[in-house]
């Protein structure tokens, strides 16, 4: 009889699929039970030089837990040198659907700076989480002089229209 130790890690990764949905539910349940940890999560997310995976997981947790006090910290992370942190911060800001979050998301998705995934997430967040205001911003971006900004707006509006 063979054990998992007899197989290379790549084999195990392919043949033993992780139930991601269950793992996320378990993580969410643990996070919900830890609402007192919000200040520590905020600090963990913004600490430069910390473990990158812990930082981006903390940023995502702040959005999942709807921590409106984290909006300022998440906005600061949209300028982080690590793309993982920018991505996590924008994703969480979309979940929070706060007025300050909408302002930064509008600026990001209207930016000509090519950070495709992050700009697109910001545009999708505006389209799906900010209803009419987000739709108006994206419709204005359809007339933007930069082709990539027009493309993010067009794709976001189309994706939300088909839901």
C-alpha atoms as a PDB file:
ATOM      1  CA  UNK A   1       0.000   0.000   0.000  1.00  0.00           C
ATOM      2  CA  UNK A   2       1.297   3.429  -0.919  1.00  0.00           C
ATOM      3  CA  UNK A   3       0.994   6.573   1.167  1.00  0.00           C
ATOM      4  CA  UNK A   4       0.869  10.215   0.134  1.00  0.00           C
ATOM      5  CA  UNK A   5       4.571  10.445   0.934  1.00  0.00           C
ATOM      6  CA  UNK A   6       5.301   8.103  -2.009  1.00  0.00           C
ATOM      7  CA  UNK A   7       3.977  10.608  -4.580  1.00  0.00           C
ATOM      8  CA  UNK A   8       5.536  13.866  -5.771  1.00  0.00           C
ATOM      9  CA  UNK A   9       3.730  17.069  -4.649  1.00  0.00           C
ATOM     10  CA  UNK A  10       2.597  17.880  -8.210  1.00  0.00           C
ATOM     11  CA  UNK A  11       0.816  14.526  -8.442  1.00  0.00           C
ATOM     12  CA  UNK A  12      -0.944  15.151  -5.146  1.00  0.00           C
ATOM     13  CA  UNK A  13      -1.978  18.645  -6.185  1.00  0.00           C
ATOM     14  CA  UNK A  14      -3.651  17.322  -9.333  1.00  0.00           C
ATOM     15  CA  UNK A  15      -5.188  14.137  -7.975  1.00  0.00           C
ATOM     16  CA  UNK A  16      -6.383  15.328  -4.574  1.00  0.00           C
ATOM     17  CA  UNK A  17      -8.493  18.361  -5.336  1.00  0.00           C
ATOM     18  CA  UNK A  18      -9.113  20.671  -2.396  1.00  0.00           C
ATOM     19  CA  UNK A  19     -12.734  21.509  -1.678  1.00  0.00           C
ATOM     20  CA  UNK A  20     -12.199  25.255  -2.006  1.00  0.00           C
ATOM     21  CA  UNK A  21     -15.800  26.125  -1.195  1.00  0.00           C
ATOM     22  CA  UNK A  22     -15.664  24.228   2.089  1.00  0.00           C
ATOM     23  CA  UNK A  23     -12.288  25.730   2.950  1.00  0.00           C
ATOM     24  CA  UNK A  24     -13.579  29.257   2.316  1.00  0.00           C
ATOM     25  CA  UNK A  25     -16.707  28.587   4.403  1.00  0.00           C
ATOM     26  CA  UNK A  26     -14.554  27.308   7.252  1.00  0.00           C
ATOM     27  CA  UNK A  27     -12.263  30.343   7.005  1.00  0.00           C
ATOM     28  CA  UNK A  28     -15.235  32.708   6.922  1.00  0.00           C
ATOM     29  CA  UNK A  29     -16.744  31.049   9.989  1.00  0.00           C
ATOM     30  CA  UNK A  30     -13.459  31.435  11.860  1.00  0.00           C
ATOM     31  CA  UNK A  31     -13.144  35.048  10.786  1.00  0.00           C
ATOM     32  CA  UNK A  32     -16.684  35.877  11.849  1.00  0.00           C
ATOM     33  CA  UNK A  33     -15.930  34.458  15.281  1.00  0.00           C
ATOM     34  CA  UNK A  34     -12.910  36.779  15.477  1.00  0.00           C
ATOM     35  CA  UNK A  35     -14.508  40.213  15.076  1.00  0.00           C
ATOM     36  CA  UNK A  36     -12.383  41.464  17.998  1.00  0.00           C
ATOM     37  CA  UNK A  37      -9.337  40.859  15.801  1.00  0.00           C
ATOM     38  CA  UNK A  38     -10.213  43.629  13.305  1.00  0.00           C
ATOM     39  CA  UNK A  39      -7.603  46.112  14.601  1.00  0.00           C
ATOM     40  CA  UNK A  40      -4.937  43.393  14.410  1.00  0.00           C
ATOM     41  CA  UNK A  41      -6.039  42.487  10.870  1.00  0.00           C
ATOM     42  CA  UNK A  42      -5.830  46.147   9.811  1.00  0.00           C
ATOM     43  CA  UNK A  43      -2.339  46.401  11.245  1.00  0.00           C
ATOM     44  CA  UNK A  44      -1.249  43.133   9.635  1.00  0.00           C
ATOM     45  CA  UNK A  45      -2.461  44.256   6.204  1.00  0.00           C
ATOM     46  CA  UNK A  46      -0.585  47.572   6.199  1.00  0.00           C
ATOM     47  CA  UNK A  47       2.681  46.402   7.775  1.00  0.00           C
ATOM     48  CA  UNK A  48       5.338  46.734   5.089  1.00  0.00           C
ATOM     49  CA  UNK A  49       7.877  43.943   5.081  1.00  0.00           C
ATOM     50  CA  UNK A  50       5.512  41.487   6.764  1.00  0.00           C
ATOM     51  CA  UNK A  51       4.691  38.081   5.356  1.00  0.00           C
ATOM     52  CA  UNK A  52       3.028  38.864   2.018  1.00  0.00           C
ATOM     53  CA  UNK A  53       0.486  36.034   2.156  1.00  0.00           C
ATOM     54  CA  UNK A  54      -0.595  37.020   5.677  1.00  0.00           C
ATOM     55  CA  UNK A  55      -0.910  40.637   4.563  1.00  0.00           C
ATOM     56  CA  UNK A  56      -3.130  39.939   1.537  1.00  0.00           C
ATOM     57  CA  UNK A  57      -5.248  37.464   3.483  1.00  0.00           C
ATOM     58  CA  UNK A  58      -5.756  40.116   6.172  1.00  0.00           C
ATOM     59  CA  UNK A  59      -6.802  42.664   3.521  1.00  0.00           C
ATOM     60  CA  UNK A  60      -9.343  40.239   2.080  1.00  0.00           C
ATOM     61  CA  UNK A  61     -10.651  39.395   5.556  1.00  0.00           C
ATOM     62  CA  UNK A  62     -11.308  43.099   6.195  1.00  0.00           C
ATOM     63  CA  UNK A  63     -13.567  43.219   3.155  1.00  0.00           C
ATOM     64  CA  UNK A  64     -15.324  39.952   3.956  1.00  0.00           C
ATOM     65  CA  UNK A  65     -15.974  41.161   7.494  1.00  0.00           C
ATOM     66  CA  UNK A  66     -17.315  44.495   6.184  1.00  0.00           C
ATOM     67  CA  UNK A  67     -14.904  46.491   8.346  1.00  0.00           C
ATOM     68  CA  UNK A  68     -15.752  50.061   7.330  1.00  0.00           C
ATOM     69  CA  UNK A  69     -13.028  51.341   9.658  1.00  0.00           C
ATOM     70  CA  UNK A  70     -10.515  49.661   7.340  1.00  0.00           C
ATOM     71  CA  UNK A  71     -11.410  51.803   4.303  1.00  0.00           C
ATOM     72  CA  UNK A  72      -8.510  54.218   4.919  1.00  0.00           C
ATOM     73  CA  UNK A  73      -6.016  51.386   5.348  1.00  0.00           C
ATOM     74  CA  UNK A  74      -7.298  49.616   2.234  1.00  0.00           C
ATOM     75  CA  UNK A  75      -7.095  52.821   0.205  1.00  0.00           C
ATOM     76  CA  UNK A  76      -3.458  53.212   1.264  1.00  0.00           C
ATOM     77  CA  UNK A  77      -2.816  49.638   0.089  1.00  0.00           C
ATOM     78  CA  UNK A  78      -3.938  50.522  -3.447  1.00  0.00           C
ATOM     79  CA  UNK A  79      -0.461  52.101  -3.797  1.00  0.00           C
ATOM     80  CA  UNK A  80       1.452  49.171  -2.267  1.00  0.00           C
ATOM     81  CA  UNK A  81       4.455  47.970  -4.303  1.00  0.00           C
ATOM     82  CA  UNK A  82       3.157  44.366  -4.226  1.00  0.00           C
ATOM     83  CA  UNK A  83       0.456  43.718  -6.823  1.00  0.00           C
ATOM     84  CA  UNK A  84      -1.098  41.123  -4.492  1.00  0.00           C
ATOM     85  CA  UNK A  85      -1.764  43.848  -1.939  1.00  0.00           C
ATOM     86  CA  UNK A  86      -3.207  46.252  -4.524  1.00  0.00           C
ATOM     87  CA  UNK A  87      -5.440  43.452  -5.836  1.00  0.00           C
ATOM     88  CA  UNK A  88      -6.653  42.429  -2.346  1.00  0.00           C
ATOM     89  CA  UNK A  89      -7.254  46.042  -1.313  1.00  0.00           C
ATOM     90  CA  UNK A  90      -9.315  46.854  -4.409  1.00  0.00           C
ATOM     91  CA  UNK A  91     -11.319  43.630  -4.072  1.00  0.00           C
ATOM     92  CA  UNK A  92     -12.103  44.424  -0.415  1.00  0.00           C
ATOM     93  CA  UNK A  93     -13.012  48.037  -1.215  1.00  0.00           C
ATOM     94  CA  UNK A  94     -15.545  46.678  -3.717  1.00  0.00           C
ATOM     95  CA  UNK A  95     -17.104  44.568  -0.956  1.00  0.00           C
ATOM     96  CA  UNK A  96     -17.315  47.504   1.442  1.00  0.00           C
ATOM     97  CA  UNK A  97     -19.251  49.706  -1.025  1.00  0.00           C
ATOM     98  CA  UNK A  98     -18.370  52.840   0.962  1.00  0.00           C
ATOM     99  CA  UNK A  99     -18.449  56.384  -0.497  1.00  0.00           C
ATOM    100  CA  UNK A 100     -14.682  56.830  -0.009  1.00  0.00           C
ATOM    101  CA  UNK A 101     -14.156  53.403  -1.566  1.00  0.00           C
ATOM    102  CA  UNK A 102     -16.245  54.415  -4.569  1.00  0.00           C
ATOM    103  CA  UNK A 103     -14.093  57.490  -5.076  1.00  0.00           C
ATOM    104  CA  UNK A 104     -10.832  55.523  -5.180  1.00  0.00           C
ATOM    105  CA  UNK A 105     -12.341  52.740  -7.313  1.00  0.00           C
ATOM    106  CA  UNK A 106     -13.519  55.360  -9.822  1.00  0.00           C
ATOM    107  CA  UNK A 107     -10.008  56.832  -9.925  1.00  0.00           C
ATOM    108  CA  UNK A 108      -8.419  53.402 -10.380  1.00  0.00           C
ATOM    109  CA  UNK A 109     -10.714  52.226 -13.171  1.00  0.00           C
ATOM    110  CA  UNK A 110     -10.326  55.616 -14.920  1.00  0.00           C
ATOM    111  CA  UNK A 111      -6.541  55.442 -14.688  1.00  0.00           C
ATOM    112  CA  UNK A 112      -4.454  55.081 -17.812  1.00  0.00           C
ATOM    113  CA  UNK A 113      -1.802  53.242 -15.805  1.00  0.00           C
ATOM    114  CA  UNK A 114      -1.770  49.713 -17.139  1.00  0.00           C
ATOM    115  CA  UNK A 115      -2.518  47.534 -14.132  1.00  0.00           C
ATOM    116  CA  UNK A 116      -5.107  45.520 -16.039  1.00  0.00           C
ATOM    117  CA  UNK A 117      -6.355  43.119 -13.410  1.00  0.00           C
ATOM    118  CA  UNK A 118      -6.631  45.751 -10.696  1.00  0.00           C
ATOM    119  CA  UNK A 119      -8.258  48.342 -12.963  1.00  0.00           C
ATOM    120  CA  UNK A 120     -10.738  45.713 -14.153  1.00  0.00           C
ATOM    121  CA  UNK A 121     -11.589  44.632 -10.589  1.00  0.00           C
ATOM    122  CA  UNK A 122     -12.247  48.277  -9.705  1.00  0.00           C
ATOM    123  CA  UNK A 123     -14.492  48.653 -12.756  1.00  0.00           C
ATOM    124  CA  UNK A 124     -16.373  45.438 -11.958  1.00  0.00           C
ATOM    125  CA  UNK A 125     -16.831  46.587  -8.368  1.00  0.00           C
ATOM    126  CA  UNK A 126     -18.300  49.864  -9.545  1.00  0.00           C
ATOM    127  CA  UNK A 127     -20.611  48.091 -11.961  1.00  0.00           C
ATOM    128  CA  UNK A 128     -21.883  45.465  -9.535  1.00  0.00           C
ATOM    129  CA  UNK A 129     -21.616  46.982  -6.054  1.00  0.00           C
ATOM    130  CA  UNK A 130     -22.324  50.667  -6.614  1.00  0.00           C
ATOM    131  CA  UNK A 131     -25.400  50.354  -8.875  1.00  0.00           C
ATOM    132  CA  UNK A 132     -26.442  53.593 -10.541  1.00  0.00           C
ATOM    133  CA  UNK A 133     -23.477  55.727  -9.453  1.00  0.00           C
ATOM    134  CA  UNK A 134     -21.007  53.097 -10.595  1.00  0.00           C
ATOM    135  CA  UNK A 135     -22.856  52.659 -13.858  1.00  0.00           C
ATOM    136  CA  UNK A 136     -22.677  56.413 -14.531  1.00  0.00           C
ATOM    137  CA  UNK A 137     -18.919  56.476 -13.895  1.00  0.00           C
ATOM    138  CA  UNK A 138     -18.372  53.527 -16.229  1.00  0.00           C
ATOM    139  CA  UNK A 139     -20.618  54.999 -18.919  1.00  0.00           C
ATOM    140  CA  UNK A 140     -18.533  58.185 -18.758  1.00  0.00           C
ATOM    141  CA  UNK A 141     -15.414  56.024 -19.141  1.00  0.00           C
ATOM    142  CA  UNK A 142     -16.833  54.679 -22.418  1.00  0.00           C
ATOM    143  CA  UNK A 143     -15.871  58.095 -23.842  1.00  0.00           C
ATOM    144  CA  UNK A 144     -12.408  58.173 -22.213  1.00  0.00           C
ATOM    145  CA  UNK A 145      -9.493  58.957 -24.554  1.00  0.00           C
ATOM    146  CA  UNK A 146      -7.556  55.848 -23.421  1.00  0.00           C
ATOM    147  CA  UNK A 147      -8.608  52.616 -25.145  1.00  0.00           C
ATOM    148  CA  UNK A 148      -7.845  50.402 -22.135  1.00  0.00           C
ATOM    149  CA  UNK A 149     -10.087  52.517 -19.866  1.00  0.00           C
ATOM    150  CA  UNK A 150     -12.884  52.235 -22.438  1.00  0.00           C
ATOM    151  CA  UNK A 151     -12.350  48.457 -22.612  1.00  0.00           C
ATOM    152  CA  UNK A 152     -12.538  47.993 -18.796  1.00  0.00           C
ATOM    153  CA  UNK A 153     -15.745  50.019 -18.717  1.00  0.00           C
ATOM    154  CA  UNK A 154     -17.303  48.137 -21.648  1.00  0.00           C
ATOM    155  CA  UNK A 155     -16.432  44.696 -20.222  1.00  0.00           C
ATOM    156  CA  UNK A 156     -17.659  45.589 -16.735  1.00  0.00           C
ATOM    157  CA  UNK A 157     -20.950  46.982 -17.951  1.00  0.00           C
ATOM    158  CA  UNK A 158     -21.472  43.938 -20.204  1.00  0.00           C
ATOM    159  CA  UNK A 159     -20.699  41.439 -17.432  1.00  0.00           C
ATOM    160  CA  UNK A 160     -23.151  43.041 -15.038  1.00  0.00           C
ATOM    161  CA  UNK A 161     -25.843  43.287 -17.743  1.00  0.00           C
ATOM    162  CA  UNK A 162     -25.757  39.508 -18.275  1.00  0.00           C
ATOM    163  CA  UNK A 163     -26.203  38.588 -14.588  1.00  0.00           C
END
